PDB file of N, CA and C in Angstrom:
ATOM      1  N   UNK A   1       0.825  -1.202   0.000  1.00  0.00           N
ATOM      2  CA  UNK A   1       0.000   0.000   0.000  1.00  0.00           C
ATOM      3  C   UNK A   1       0.857   1.249   0.000  1.00  0.00           C
ATOM      4  N   UNK A   2       1.989   1.186   0.768  1.00  0.00           N
ATOM      5  CA  UNK A   2       2.857   2.355   0.842  1.00  0.00           C
ATOM      6  C   UNK A   2       3.504   2.644  -0.517  1.00  0.00           C
ATOM      7  N   UNK A   3       3.876   1.604  -1.244  1.00  0.00           N
ATOM      8  CA  UNK A   3       4.502   1.815  -2.551  1.00  0.00           C
ATOM      9  C   UNK A   3       3.508   2.388  -3.552  1.00  0.00           C
ATOM     10  N   UNK A   4       2.234   2.013  -3.431  1.00  0.00           N
ATOM     11  CA  UNK A   4       1.217   2.560  -4.326  1.00  0.00           C
ATOM     12  C   UNK A   4       1.027   4.053  -4.071  1.00  0.00           C
ATOM     13  N   UNK A   5       1.012   4.452  -2.795  1.00  0.00           N
ATOM     14  CA  UNK A   5       0.890   5.877  -2.472  1.00  0.00           C
ATOM     15  C   UNK A   5       2.116   6.654  -2.934  1.00  0.00           C
ATOM     16  N   UNK A   6       3.275   6.045  -2.813  1.00  0.00           N
ATOM     17  CA  UNK A   6       4.496   6.688  -3.284  1.00  0.00           C
ATOM     18  C   UNK A   6       4.454   6.884  -4.791  1.00  0.00           C
ATOM     19  N   UNK A   7       3.987   5.869  -5.509  1.00  0.00           N
ATOM     20  CA  UNK A   7       3.876   5.966  -6.955  1.00  0.00           C
ATOM     21  C   UNK A   7       2.889   7.058  -7.353  1.00  0.00           C
ATOM     22  N   UNK A   8       1.770   7.131  -6.689  1.00  0.00           N
ATOM     23  CA  UNK A   8       0.772   8.167  -6.983  1.00  0.00           C
ATOM     24  C   UNK A   8       1.333   9.553  -6.671  1.00  0.00           C
ATOM     25  N   UNK A   9       2.066   9.680  -5.578  1.00  0.00           N
ATOM     26  CA  UNK A   9       2.663  10.965  -5.224  1.00  0.00           C
ATOM     27  C   UNK A   9       3.678  11.392  -6.278  1.00  0.00           C
ATOM     28  N   UNK A  10       4.484  10.444  -6.777  1.00  0.00           N
ATOM     29  CA  UNK A  10       5.448  10.778  -7.815  1.00  0.00           C
ATOM     30  C   UNK A  10       4.742  11.180  -9.100  1.00  0.00           C
ATOM     31  N   UNK A  11       3.662  10.535  -9.447  1.00  0.00           N
ATOM     32  CA  UNK A  11       2.914  10.887 -10.661  1.00  0.00           C
ATOM     33  C   UNK A  11       2.306  12.285 -10.548  1.00  0.00           C
ATOM     34  N   UNK A  12       1.751  12.599  -9.390  1.00  0.00           N
ATOM     35  CA  UNK A  12       1.188  13.936  -9.175  1.00  0.00           C
ATOM     36  C   UNK A  12       2.289  14.992  -9.258  1.00  0.00           C
ATOM     37  N   UNK A  13       3.424  14.709  -8.643  1.00  0.00           N
ATOM     38  CA  UNK A  13       4.546  15.639  -8.680  1.00  0.00           C
ATOM     39  C   UNK A  13       5.039  15.853 -10.107  1.00  0.00           C
ATOM     40  N   UNK A  14       5.093  14.787 -10.890  1.00  0.00           N
ATOM     41  CA  UNK A  14       5.512  14.897 -12.284  1.00  0.00           C
ATOM     42  C   UNK A  14       4.543  15.752 -13.082  1.00  0.00           C
ATOM     43  N   UNK A  15       3.258  15.530 -12.886  1.00  0.00           N
ATOM     44  CA  UNK A  15       2.246  16.284 -13.642  1.00  0.00           C
ATOM     45  C   UNK A  15       2.275  17.764 -13.268  1.00  0.00           C
ATOM     46  N   UNK A  16       2.522  18.075 -11.989  1.00  0.00           N
ATOM     47  CA  UNK A  16       2.506  19.464 -11.554  1.00  0.00           C
ATOM     48  C   UNK A  16       3.816  20.202 -11.846  1.00  0.00           C
ATOM     49  N   UNK A  17       4.935  19.512 -11.856  1.00  0.00           N
ATOM     50  CA  UNK A  17       6.218  20.202 -11.906  1.00  0.00           C
ATOM     51  C   UNK A  17       6.832  20.319 -13.296  1.00  0.00           C
ATOM     52  N   UNK A  18       6.458  19.470 -14.251  1.00  0.00           N
ATOM     53  CA  UNK A  18       7.119  19.601 -15.541  1.00  0.00           C
ATOM     54  C   UNK A  18       6.792  20.912 -16.237  1.00  0.00           C
ATOM     55  N   UNK A  19       5.590  21.490 -16.070  1.00  0.00           N
ATOM     56  CA  UNK A  19       5.394  22.808 -16.705  1.00  0.00           C
ATOM     57  C   UNK A  19       6.273  23.897 -16.069  1.00  0.00           C
ATOM     58  N   UNK A  20       6.489  23.810 -14.757  1.00  0.00           N
ATOM     59  CA  UNK A  20       7.351  24.786 -14.099  1.00  0.00           C
ATOM     60  C   UNK A  20       8.802  24.639 -14.569  1.00  0.00           C
ATOM     61  N   UNK A  21       9.251  23.413 -14.739  1.00  0.00           N
ATOM     62  CA  UNK A  21      10.617  23.191 -15.214  1.00  0.00           C
ATOM     63  C   UNK A  21      10.781  23.703 -16.649  1.00  0.00           C
ATOM     64  N   UNK A  22       9.791  23.465 -17.480  1.00  0.00           N
ATOM     65  CA  UNK A  22       9.839  23.948 -18.855  1.00  0.00           C
ATOM     66  C   UNK A  22       9.807  25.470 -18.904  1.00  0.00           C
ATOM     67  N   UNK A  23       8.990  26.085 -18.056  1.00  0.00           N
ATOM     68  CA  UNK A  23       8.905  27.542 -17.991  1.00  0.00           C
ATOM     69  C   UNK A  23      10.237  28.137 -17.522  1.00  0.00           C
ATOM     70  N   UNK A  24      10.849  27.528 -16.526  1.00  0.00           N
ATOM     71  CA  UNK A  24      12.146  28.008 -16.044  1.00  0.00           C
ATOM     72  C   UNK A  24      13.214  27.873 -17.124  1.00  0.00           C
ATOM     73  N   UNK A  25      13.159  26.783 -17.876  1.00  0.00           N
ATOM     74  CA  UNK A  25      14.122  26.567 -18.945  1.00  0.00           C
ATOM     75  C   UNK A  25      13.979  27.617 -20.040  1.00  0.00           C
ATOM     76  N   UNK A  26      12.746  28.009 -20.334  1.00  0.00           N
ATOM     77  CA  UNK A  26      12.503  29.001 -21.381  1.00  0.00           C
ATOM     78  C   UNK A  26      12.817  30.413 -20.891  1.00  0.00           C
ATOM     79  N   UNK A  27      12.485  30.722 -19.632  1.00  0.00           N
ATOM     80  CA  UNK A  27      12.654  32.085 -19.129  1.00  0.00           C
ATOM     81  C   UNK A  27      14.063  32.398 -18.640  1.00  0.00           C
ATOM     82  N   UNK A  28      14.899  31.388 -18.390  1.00  0.00           N
ATOM     83  CA  UNK A  28      16.223  31.648 -17.852  1.00  0.00           C
ATOM     84  C   UNK A  28      17.071  32.560 -18.747  1.00  0.00           C
ATOM     85  N   UNK A  29      17.100  32.362 -20.072  1.00  0.00           N
ATOM     86  CA  UNK A  29      17.876  33.301 -20.905  1.00  0.00           C
ATOM     87  C   UNK A  29      17.336  34.728 -20.856  1.00  0.00           C
ATOM     88  N   UNK A  30      16.038  34.886 -20.728  1.00  0.00           N
ATOM     89  CA  UNK A  30      15.448  36.227 -20.649  1.00  0.00           C
ATOM     90  C   UNK A  30      15.875  36.905 -19.350  1.00  0.00           C
ATOM     91  N   UNK A  31      15.831  36.172 -18.255  1.00  0.00           N
ATOM     92  CA  UNK A  31      16.256  36.727 -16.963  1.00  0.00           C
ATOM     93  C   UNK A  31      17.735  37.070 -17.008  1.00  0.00           C
ATOM     94  N   UNK A  32      18.542  36.225 -17.644  1.00  0.00           N
ATOM     95  CA  UNK A  32      19.966  36.491 -17.758  1.00  0.00           C
ATOM     96  C   UNK A  32      20.224  37.761 -18.560  1.00  0.00           C
ATOM     97  N   UNK A  33      19.498  37.943 -19.653  1.00  0.00           N
ATOM     98  CA  UNK A  33      19.664  39.152 -20.466  1.00  0.00           C
ATOM     99  C   UNK A  33      19.226  40.401 -19.715  1.00  0.00           C
ATOM    100  N   UNK A  34      18.170  40.293 -18.927  1.00  0.00           N
ATOM    101  CA  UNK A  34      17.711  41.449 -18.162  1.00  0.00           C
ATOM    102  C   UNK A  34      18.681  41.811 -17.037  1.00  0.00           C
ATOM    103  N   UNK A  35      19.377  40.835 -16.483  1.00  0.00           N
ATOM    104  CA  UNK A  35      20.304  41.124 -15.388  1.00  0.00           C
ATOM    105  C   UNK A  35      21.674  41.568 -15.883  1.00  0.00           C
ATOM    106  N   UNK A  36      21.954  41.429 -17.154  1.00  0.00           N
ATOM    107  CA  UNK A  36      23.266  41.777 -17.694  1.00  0.00           C
ATOM    108  C   UNK A  36      23.640  43.244 -17.486  1.00  0.00           C
ATOM    109  N   UNK A  37      22.765  44.210 -17.730  1.00  0.00           N
ATOM    110  CA  UNK A  37      23.154  45.608 -17.476  1.00  0.00           C
ATOM    111  C   UNK A  37      23.497  45.868 -16.007  1.00  0.00           C
ATOM    112  N   UNK A  38      22.787  45.230 -15.081  1.00  0.00           N
ATOM    113  CA  UNK A  38      23.087  45.416 -13.667  1.00  0.00           C
ATOM    114  C   UNK A  38      24.452  44.843 -13.316  1.00  0.00           C
ATOM    115  N   UNK A  39      24.815  43.728 -13.937  1.00  0.00           N
ATOM    116  CA  UNK A  39      26.146  43.162 -13.715  1.00  0.00           C
ATOM    117  C   UNK A  39      27.223  44.106 -14.238  1.00  0.00           C
ATOM    118  N   UNK A  40      26.987  44.675 -15.418  1.00  0.00           N
ATOM    119  CA  UNK A  40      27.969  45.592 -15.984  1.00  0.00           C
ATOM    120  C   UNK A  40      28.134  46.832 -15.107  1.00  0.00           C
ATOM    121  N   UNK A  41      27.037  47.340 -14.574  1.00  0.00           N
ATOM    122  CA  UNK A  41      27.115  48.483 -13.666  1.00  0.00           C
ATOM    123  C   UNK A  41      27.888  48.097 -12.409  1.00  0.00           C
ATOM    124  N   UNK A  42      27.649  46.907 -11.883  1.00  0.00           N
ATOM    125  CA  UNK A  42      28.363  46.453 -10.700  1.00  0.00           C
ATOM    126  C   UNK A  42      29.855  46.310 -10.943  1.00  0.00           C
ATOM    127  N   UNK A  43      30.230  45.760 -12.081  1.00  0.00           N
ATOM    128  CA  UNK A  43      31.648  45.618 -12.423  1.00  0.00           C
ATOM    129  C   UNK A  43      32.293  46.993 -12.571  1.00  0.00           C
ATOM    130  N   UNK A  44      31.577  47.911 -13.227  1.00  0.00           N
ATOM    131  CA  UNK A  44      32.110  49.261 -13.418  1.00  0.00           C
ATOM    132  C   UNK A  44      32.292  49.982 -12.086  1.00  0.00           C
ATOM    133  N   UNK A  45      31.300  49.896 -11.214  1.00  0.00           N
ATOM    134  CA  UNK A  45      31.417  50.551  -9.911  1.00  0.00           C
ATOM    135  C   UNK A  45      32.532  49.931  -9.073  1.00  0.00           C
ATOM    136  N   UNK A  46      32.698  48.629  -9.154  1.00  0.00           N
ATOM    137  CA  UNK A  46      33.796  47.985  -8.447  1.00  0.00           C
ATOM    138  C   UNK A  46      35.150  48.490  -8.933  1.00  0.00           C
ATOM    139  N   UNK A  47      35.284  48.665 -10.248  1.00  0.00           N
ATOM    140  CA  UNK A  47      36.535  49.183 -10.798  1.00  0.00           C
ATOM    141  C   UNK A  47      36.759  50.632 -10.382  1.00  0.00           C
ATOM    142  N   UNK A  48      35.707  51.437 -10.381  1.00  0.00           N
ATOM    143  CA  UNK A  48      35.836  52.843  -9.968  1.00  0.00           C
ATOM    144  C   UNK A  48      36.257  52.923  -8.505  1.00  0.00           C
ATOM    145  N   UNK A  49      35.657  52.133  -7.634  1.00  0.00           N
ATOM    146  CA  UNK A  49      36.025  52.163  -6.221  1.00  0.00           C
ATOM    147  C   UNK A  49      37.446  51.652  -6.002  1.00  0.00           C
ATOM    148  N   UNK A  50      37.869  50.642  -6.762  1.00  0.00           N
ATOM    149  CA  UNK A  50      39.247  50.153  -6.643  1.00  0.00           C
ATOM    150  C   UNK A  50      40.229  51.235  -7.090  1.00  0.00           C
ATOM    151  N   UNK A  51      39.887  51.953  -8.150  1.00  0.00           N
ATOM    152  CA  UNK A  51      40.745  53.048  -8.613  1.00  0.00           C
ATOM    153  C   UNK A  51      40.820  54.158  -7.572  1.00  0.00           C
ATOM    154  N   UNK A  52      39.679  54.526  -6.997  1.00  0.00           N
ATOM    155  CA  UNK A  52      39.677  55.579  -5.977  1.00  0.00           C
ATOM    156  C   UNK A  52      40.475  55.160  -4.744  1.00  0.00           C
ATOM    157  N   UNK A  53      40.380  53.912  -4.357  1.00  0.00           N
ATOM    158  CA  UNK A  53      41.140  53.428  -3.204  1.00  0.00           C
ATOM    159  C   UNK A  53      42.640  53.470  -3.502  1.00  0.00           C
ATOM    160  N   UNK A  54      43.012  53.042  -4.702  1.00  0.00           N
ATOM    161  CA  UNK A  54      44.425  53.082  -5.072  1.00  0.00           C
ATOM    162  C   UNK A  54      44.924  54.520  -5.119  1.00  0.00           C
ATOM    163  N   UNK A  55      44.106  55.423  -5.616  1.00  0.00           N
ATOM    164  CA  UNK A  55      44.480  56.832  -5.677  1.00  0.00           C
ATOM    165  C   UNK A  55      44.601  57.436  -4.289  1.00  0.00           C
ATOM    166  N   UNK A  56      43.718  57.035  -3.394  1.00  0.00           N
ATOM    167  CA  UNK A  56      43.733  57.562  -2.027  1.00  0.00           C
ATOM    168  C   UNK A  56      44.953  57.075  -1.249  1.00  0.00           C
ATOM    169  N   UNK A  57      45.345  55.821  -1.462  1.00  0.00           N
ATOM    170  CA  UNK A  57      46.467  55.258  -0.734  1.00  0.00           C
ATOM    171  C   UNK A  57      47.806  55.458  -1.435  1.00  0.00           C
ATOM    172  N   UNK A  58      47.813  56.111  -2.587  1.00  0.00           N
ATOM    173  CA  UNK A  58      49.057  56.306  -3.321  1.00  0.00           C
ATOM    174  C   UNK A  58      50.095  57.112  -2.542  1.00  0.00           C
ATOM    175  N   UNK A  59      49.729  58.222  -1.876  1.00  0.00           N
ATOM    176  CA  UNK A  59      50.761  58.946  -1.116  1.00  0.00           C
ATOM    177  C   UNK A  59      51.394  58.086  -0.014  1.00  0.00           C
ATOM    178  N   UNK A  60      50.612  57.304   0.661  1.00  0.00           N
ATOM    179  CA  UNK A  60      51.164  56.451   1.711  1.00  0.00           C
ATOM    180  C   UNK A  60      52.097  55.408   1.117  1.00  0.00           C
ATOM    181  N   UNK A  61      51.762  54.872  -0.022  1.00  0.00           N
ATOM    182  CA  UNK A  61      52.627  53.874  -0.652  1.00  0.00           C
ATOM    183  C   UNK A  61      53.917  54.512  -1.147  1.00  0.00           C
ATOM    184  N   UNK A  62      53.821  55.746  -1.651  1.00  0.00           N
ATOM    185  CA  UNK A  62      55.019  56.419  -2.125  1.00  0.00           C
ATOM    186  C   UNK A  62      55.949  56.806  -0.974  1.00  0.00           C
ATOM    187  N   UNK A  63      55.367  57.118   0.186  1.00  0.00           N
ATOM    188  CA  UNK A  63      56.172  57.501   1.342  1.00  0.00           C
ATOM    189  C   UNK A  63      56.686  56.301   2.130  1.00  0.00           C
ATOM    190  N   UNK A  64      56.412  55.113   1.676  1.00  0.00           N
ATOM    191  CA  UNK A  64      56.973  53.922   2.305  1.00  0.00           C
ATOM    192  C   UNK A  64      56.076  53.293   3.345  1.00  0.00           C
ATOM    193  N   UNK A  65      54.781  53.483   3.252  1.00  0.00           N
ATOM    194  CA  UNK A  65      53.856  52.834   4.174  1.00  0.00           C
ATOM    195  C   UNK A  65      53.857  51.329   3.951  1.00  0.00           C
ATOM    196  N   UNK A  66      53.601  50.600   5.030  1.00  0.00           N
ATOM    197  CA  UNK A  66      53.582  49.138   4.912  1.00  0.00           C
ATOM    198  C   UNK A  66      52.351  48.704   4.132  1.00  0.00           C
ATOM    199  N   UNK A  67      52.509  47.674   3.345  1.00  0.00           N
ATOM    200  CA  UNK A  67      51.361  47.096   2.653  1.00  0.00           C
ATOM    201  C   UNK A  67      50.630  46.164   3.610  1.00  0.00           C
ATOM    202  N   UNK A  68      49.411  45.809   3.254  1.00  0.00           N
ATOM    203  CA  UNK A  68      48.632  44.920   4.113  1.00  0.00           C
ATOM    204  C   UNK A  68      49.255  43.537   4.187  1.00  0.00           C
ATOM    205  N   UNK A  69      49.879  43.092   3.123  1.00  0.00           N
ATOM    206  CA  UNK A  69      50.509  41.784   3.124  1.00  0.00           C
ATOM    207  C   UNK A  69      51.652  41.712   4.112  1.00  0.00           C
ATOM    208  N   UNK A  70      52.442  42.796   4.208  1.00  0.00           N
ATOM    209  CA  UNK A  70      53.552  42.814   5.157  1.00  0.00           C
ATOM    210  C   UNK A  70      53.034  42.858   6.593  1.00  0.00           C
ATOM    211  N   UNK A  71      51.942  43.584   6.813  1.00  0.00           N
ATOM    212  CA  UNK A  71      51.383  43.665   8.159  1.00  0.00           C
ATOM    213  C   UNK A  71      50.847  42.301   8.591  1.00  0.00           C
ATOM    214  N   UNK A  72      50.227  41.601   7.687  1.00  0.00           N
ATOM    215  CA  UNK A  72      49.692  40.278   8.025  1.00  0.00           C
ATOM    216  C   UNK A  72      50.835  39.303   8.272  1.00  0.00           C
ATOM    217  N   UNK A  73      51.902  39.396   7.472  1.00  0.00           N
ATOM    218  CA  UNK A  73      53.034  38.483   7.639  1.00  0.00           C
ATOM    219  C   UNK A  73      53.736  38.758   8.983  1.00  0.00           C
ATOM    220  N   UNK A  74      53.802  40.013   9.399  1.00  0.00           N
ATOM    221  CA  UNK A  74      54.469  40.343  10.651  1.00  0.00           C
ATOM    222  C   UNK A  74      53.662  39.839  11.850  1.00  0.00           C
ATOM    223  N   UNK A  75      52.324  39.899  11.754  1.00  0.00           N
ATOM    224  CA  UNK A  75      51.480  39.435  12.862  1.00  0.00           C
ATOM    225  C   UNK A  75      51.570  37.927  12.997  1.00  0.00           C
ATOM    226  N   UNK A  76      51.594  37.230  11.873  1.00  0.00           N
ATOM    227  CA  UNK A  76      51.603  35.773  11.914  1.00  0.00           C
ATOM    228  C   UNK A  76      52.932  35.255  12.229  1.00  0.00           C
TER     229      UNK A  76
END
């Protein structure tokens, strides 16, 4: 009896879920295309912030400030 209920549950799950899987398969490229501009903006902002950080810390690096790698190596 338990195996019959399991079989029926699997059949119901198959009938209900294959349209969702097909819909996800079809819509995934559309979602990827819509998110692409946001990714590009994120990459650009990350590069701008990295440039600003490098520009801000440039005087300290030129005057002989320790790098973070040296500070970590000295602590360890």
